[in-house]
Amino acid sequence: MATNTLSKRPATTLRCGNIKATIWQNVSEKGPFFATTFSRPFKDQAGLGRNTHNGTSFRLNDLEALMNVAFEAKEWIAARALKR
């Protein structure tokens, strides 16, 4: 089953502290659906901290914010699913 992104822009982005949840609307053979990616910014050592990147691994201190933003993402998606 192939999926296509409806738009190159995210449907929304939610934040909790340094943790970001990006919600994307995609489409499949069964119709549109939402998917979420989570990230955390970090600065690289090669650029002496000048270049910021997004990582997908989380430290112990990130996990509470990750849980909170995941819950917010779930609520955001659920609210839109009810409107269909």
N, C-alpha and C. Protein backbone atom coordinates (compact mmCIF):
# COMPACT_ATOMS: atom_id res chain seq x y z
N MET A 1 0.84 -1.16 0.00
CA MET A 1 0.00 0.00 0.00
C MET A 1 0.89 1.23 0.00
N ALA A 2 0.82 2.01 -1.03
CA ALA A 2 1.63 3.22 -1.14
C ALA A 2 0.93 4.37 -0.44
N THR A 3 1.72 5.24 0.17
CA THR A 3 1.16 6.43 0.79
C THR A 3 1.80 7.65 0.15
N ASN A 4 1.03 8.69 0.04
CA ASN A 4 1.53 9.94 -0.52
C ASN A 4 1.22 11.06 0.45
N THR A 5 2.12 11.99 0.58
CA THR A 5 1.88 13.16 1.41
C THR A 5 1.00 14.10 0.61
N LEU A 6 -0.09 14.58 1.23
CA LEU A 6 -0.97 15.52 0.55
C LEU A 6 -0.29 16.86 0.34
N SER A 7 0.54 17.25 1.26
CA SER A 7 1.20 18.54 1.20
C SER A 7 2.60 18.39 1.75
N LYS A 8 3.50 19.23 1.27
CA LYS A 8 4.85 19.20 1.82
C LYS A 8 4.90 19.91 3.16
N ARG A 9 3.86 20.61 3.52
CA ARG A 9 3.77 21.29 4.81
C ARG A 9 3.10 20.38 5.83
N PRO A 10 3.56 20.44 7.07
CA PRO A 10 2.88 19.65 8.10
C PRO A 10 1.48 20.20 8.38
N ALA A 11 0.60 19.32 8.84
CA ALA A 11 -0.73 19.75 9.24
C ALA A 11 -0.62 20.67 10.46
N THR A 12 0.27 20.33 11.37
CA THR A 12 0.55 21.17 12.53
C THR A 12 1.85 20.71 13.18
N THR A 13 2.40 21.56 14.02
CA THR A 13 3.57 21.23 14.81
C THR A 13 3.27 21.60 16.26
N LEU A 14 3.50 20.65 17.15
CA LEU A 14 3.27 20.86 18.57
C LEU A 14 4.61 20.80 19.29
N ARG A 15 4.75 21.58 20.36
CA ARG A 15 6.01 21.60 21.11
C ARG A 15 5.76 21.46 22.60
N CYS A 16 6.70 20.83 23.26
CA CYS A 16 6.73 20.76 24.72
C CYS A 16 8.20 20.82 25.10
N GLY A 17 8.63 21.95 25.62
CA GLY A 17 10.05 22.13 25.89
C GLY A 17 10.82 22.07 24.58
N ASN A 18 11.87 21.27 24.55
CA ASN A 18 12.67 21.11 23.34
C ASN A 18 12.11 20.07 22.37
N ILE A 19 11.08 19.35 22.78
CA ILE A 19 10.58 18.24 21.97
C ILE A 19 9.49 18.75 21.04
N LYS A 20 9.56 18.29 19.80
CA LYS A 20 8.62 18.73 18.77
C LYS A 20 7.91 17.51 18.17
N ALA A 21 6.59 17.63 18.02
CA ALA A 21 5.79 16.63 17.31
C ALA A 21 5.29 17.30 16.04
N THR A 22 5.61 16.72 14.90
CA THR A 22 5.14 17.24 13.63
C THR A 22 4.11 16.26 13.09
N ILE A 23 2.92 16.74 12.81
CA ILE A 23 1.83 15.90 12.34
C ILE A 23 1.64 16.15 10.85
N TRP A 24 1.68 15.06 10.10
CA TRP A 24 1.56 15.10 8.64
C TRP A 24 0.26 14.43 8.22
N GLN A 25 -0.41 15.00 7.24
CA GLN A 25 -1.57 14.34 6.66
C GLN A 25 -1.11 13.61 5.40
N ASN A 26 -1.41 12.33 5.34
CA ASN A 26 -1.05 11.48 4.21
C ASN A 26 -2.32 10.89 3.62
N VAL A 27 -2.18 10.27 2.47
CA VAL A 27 -3.32 9.61 1.85
C VAL A 27 -2.89 8.21 1.42
N SER A 28 -3.80 7.26 1.58
CA SER A 28 -3.56 5.89 1.14
C SER A 28 -4.77 5.43 0.34
N GLU A 29 -4.75 4.18 -0.03
CA GLU A 29 -5.89 3.62 -0.77
C GLU A 29 -7.17 3.69 0.04
N LYS A 30 -7.04 3.72 1.38
CA LYS A 30 -8.21 3.78 2.26
C LYS A 30 -8.62 5.20 2.61
N GLY A 31 -7.89 6.19 2.10
CA GLY A 31 -8.22 7.58 2.37
C GLY A 31 -7.15 8.27 3.19
N PRO A 32 -7.42 9.52 3.58
CA PRO A 32 -6.42 10.30 4.31
C PRO A 32 -6.25 9.81 5.75
N PHE A 33 -5.03 10.01 6.27
CA PHE A 33 -4.74 9.69 7.66
C PHE A 33 -3.60 10.59 8.13
N PHE A 34 -3.40 10.65 9.43
CA PHE A 34 -2.33 11.46 10.01
C PHE A 34 -1.22 10.56 10.54
N ALA A 35 0.00 11.04 10.44
CA ALA A 35 1.17 10.37 11.00
C ALA A 35 2.00 11.43 11.73
N THR A 36 2.70 11.02 12.76
CA THR A 36 3.45 11.95 13.59
C THR A 36 4.92 11.58 13.66
N THR A 37 5.77 12.59 13.56
CA THR A 37 7.20 12.40 13.79
C THR A 37 7.59 13.24 15.01
N PHE A 38 8.56 12.75 15.76
CA PHE A 38 9.04 13.44 16.96
C PHE A 38 10.51 13.76 16.78
N SER A 39 10.92 14.92 17.26
CA SER A 39 12.33 15.30 17.13
C SER A 39 12.76 16.18 18.29
N ARG A 40 14.07 16.31 18.41
CA ARG A 40 14.71 17.12 19.44
C ARG A 40 15.90 17.81 18.81
N PRO A 41 16.04 19.14 19.00
CA PRO A 41 17.17 19.84 18.39
C PRO A 41 18.48 19.54 19.12
N PHE A 42 19.57 19.54 18.37
CA PHE A 42 20.90 19.43 18.98
C PHE A 42 21.89 20.18 18.09
N LYS A 43 22.98 20.58 18.67
CA LYS A 43 24.02 21.29 17.94
C LYS A 43 25.17 20.34 17.68
N ASP A 44 25.71 20.37 16.48
CA ASP A 44 26.80 19.46 16.15
C ASP A 44 28.12 19.95 16.74
N GLN A 45 29.00 19.01 16.98
CA GLN A 45 30.31 19.35 17.53
C GLN A 45 31.27 19.81 16.45
N ALA A 46 31.08 19.32 15.23
CA ALA A 46 31.98 19.68 14.13
C ALA A 46 31.91 21.18 13.83
N GLY A 47 30.74 21.74 13.94
CA GLY A 47 30.56 23.17 13.68
C GLY A 47 30.68 24.01 14.93
N LEU A 48 31.25 23.43 15.98
CA LEU A 48 31.42 24.12 17.26
C LEU A 48 30.09 24.65 17.79
N GLY A 49 29.05 23.86 17.58
CA GLY A 49 27.74 24.22 18.11
C GLY A 49 26.99 25.25 17.31
N ARG A 50 27.47 25.57 16.13
CA ARG A 50 26.80 26.60 15.31
C ARG A 50 25.67 26.03 14.47
N ASN A 51 25.74 24.76 14.15
CA ASN A 51 24.73 24.14 13.29
C ASN A 51 23.76 23.32 14.13
N THR A 52 22.48 23.65 14.02
CA THR A 52 21.46 22.92 14.76
C THR A 52 20.83 21.88 13.84
N HIS A 53 20.64 20.69 14.37
CA HIS A 53 20.02 19.58 13.65
C HIS A 53 18.87 19.05 14.50
N ASN A 54 18.05 18.20 13.91
CA ASN A 54 16.98 17.53 14.64
C ASN A 54 17.33 16.07 14.80
N GLY A 55 17.29 15.60 16.03
CA GLY A 55 17.56 14.20 16.31
C GLY A 55 16.28 13.47 16.67
N THR A 56 16.33 12.17 16.57
CA THR A 56 15.16 11.34 16.90
C THR A 56 15.45 10.39 18.05
N SER A 57 16.50 10.67 18.80
CA SER A 57 16.76 9.90 20.01
C SER A 57 16.57 10.84 21.19
N PHE A 58 16.14 10.29 22.30
CA PHE A 58 15.73 11.12 23.43
C PHE A 58 16.43 10.66 24.70
N ARG A 59 16.89 11.62 25.48
CA ARG A 59 17.54 11.33 26.75
C ARG A 59 16.49 11.18 27.84
N LEU A 60 16.93 10.72 28.99
CA LEU A 60 16.01 10.54 30.13
C LEU A 60 15.24 11.82 30.42
N ASN A 61 15.93 12.95 30.40
CA ASN A 61 15.27 14.23 30.72
C ASN A 61 14.29 14.68 29.65
N ASP A 62 14.32 14.07 28.47
CA ASP A 62 13.41 14.43 27.38
C ASP A 62 12.10 13.64 27.44
N LEU A 63 12.09 12.54 28.17
CA LEU A 63 10.97 11.59 28.04
C LEU A 63 9.64 12.12 28.55
N GLU A 64 9.65 12.93 29.60
CA GLU A 64 8.38 13.48 30.07
C GLU A 64 7.79 14.43 29.04
N ALA A 65 8.62 15.29 28.47
CA ALA A 65 8.14 16.20 27.42
C ALA A 65 7.68 15.40 26.20
N LEU A 66 8.39 14.32 25.87
CA LEU A 66 7.99 13.46 24.75
C LEU A 66 6.61 12.86 25.01
N MET A 67 6.38 12.37 26.22
CA MET A 67 5.05 11.82 26.55
C MET A 67 3.97 12.89 26.45
N ASN A 68 4.26 14.08 26.94
CA ASN A 68 3.26 15.17 26.89
C ASN A 68 2.92 15.57 25.47
N VAL A 69 3.94 15.73 24.63
CA VAL A 69 3.67 16.15 23.26
C VAL A 69 3.03 15.01 22.46
N ALA A 70 3.34 13.76 22.80
CA ALA A 70 2.68 12.62 22.15
C ALA A 70 1.19 12.60 22.50
N PHE A 71 0.87 12.89 23.76
CA PHE A 71 -0.53 12.95 24.17
C PHE A 71 -1.25 14.08 23.45
N GLU A 72 -0.61 15.25 23.35
CA GLU A 72 -1.21 16.37 22.62
C GLU A 72 -1.44 16.02 21.15
N ALA A 73 -0.49 15.32 20.55
CA ALA A 73 -0.64 14.89 19.15
C ALA A 73 -1.81 13.93 19.01
N LYS A 74 -1.93 13.00 19.94
CA LYS A 74 -3.05 12.04 19.92
C LYS A 74 -4.38 12.78 20.00
N GLU A 75 -4.48 13.75 20.89
CA GLU A 75 -5.71 14.52 21.05
C GLU A 75 -6.02 15.34 19.80
N TRP A 76 -5.00 15.94 19.19
CA TRP A 76 -5.18 16.74 17.99
C TRP A 76 -5.71 15.87 16.85
N ILE A 77 -5.10 14.71 16.67
CA ILE A 77 -5.52 13.79 15.60
C ILE A 77 -6.92 13.26 15.87
N ALA A 78 -7.19 12.87 17.11
CA ALA A 78 -8.51 12.33 17.46
C ALA A 78 -9.61 13.36 17.21
N ALA A 79 -9.35 14.62 17.52
CA ALA A 79 -10.35 15.67 17.31
C ALA A 79 -10.69 15.81 15.82
N ARG A 80 -9.72 15.63 14.96
CA ARG A 80 -9.97 15.74 13.53
C ARG A 80 -10.61 14.48 12.98
N ALA A 81 -10.33 13.35 13.56
CA ALA A 81 -10.94 12.09 13.12
C ALA A 81 -12.44 12.09 13.44
N LEU A 82 -12.82 12.74 14.53
CA LEU A 82 -14.24 12.81 14.90
C LEU A 82 -15.04 13.68 13.94
N LYS A 83 -14.41 14.62 13.28
CA LYS A 83 -15.09 15.52 12.35
C LYS A 83 -15.40 14.87 11.02
N ARG A 84 -14.84 13.71 10.76
CA ARG A 84 -15.06 13.05 9.46
C ARG A 84 -16.35 12.30 9.44
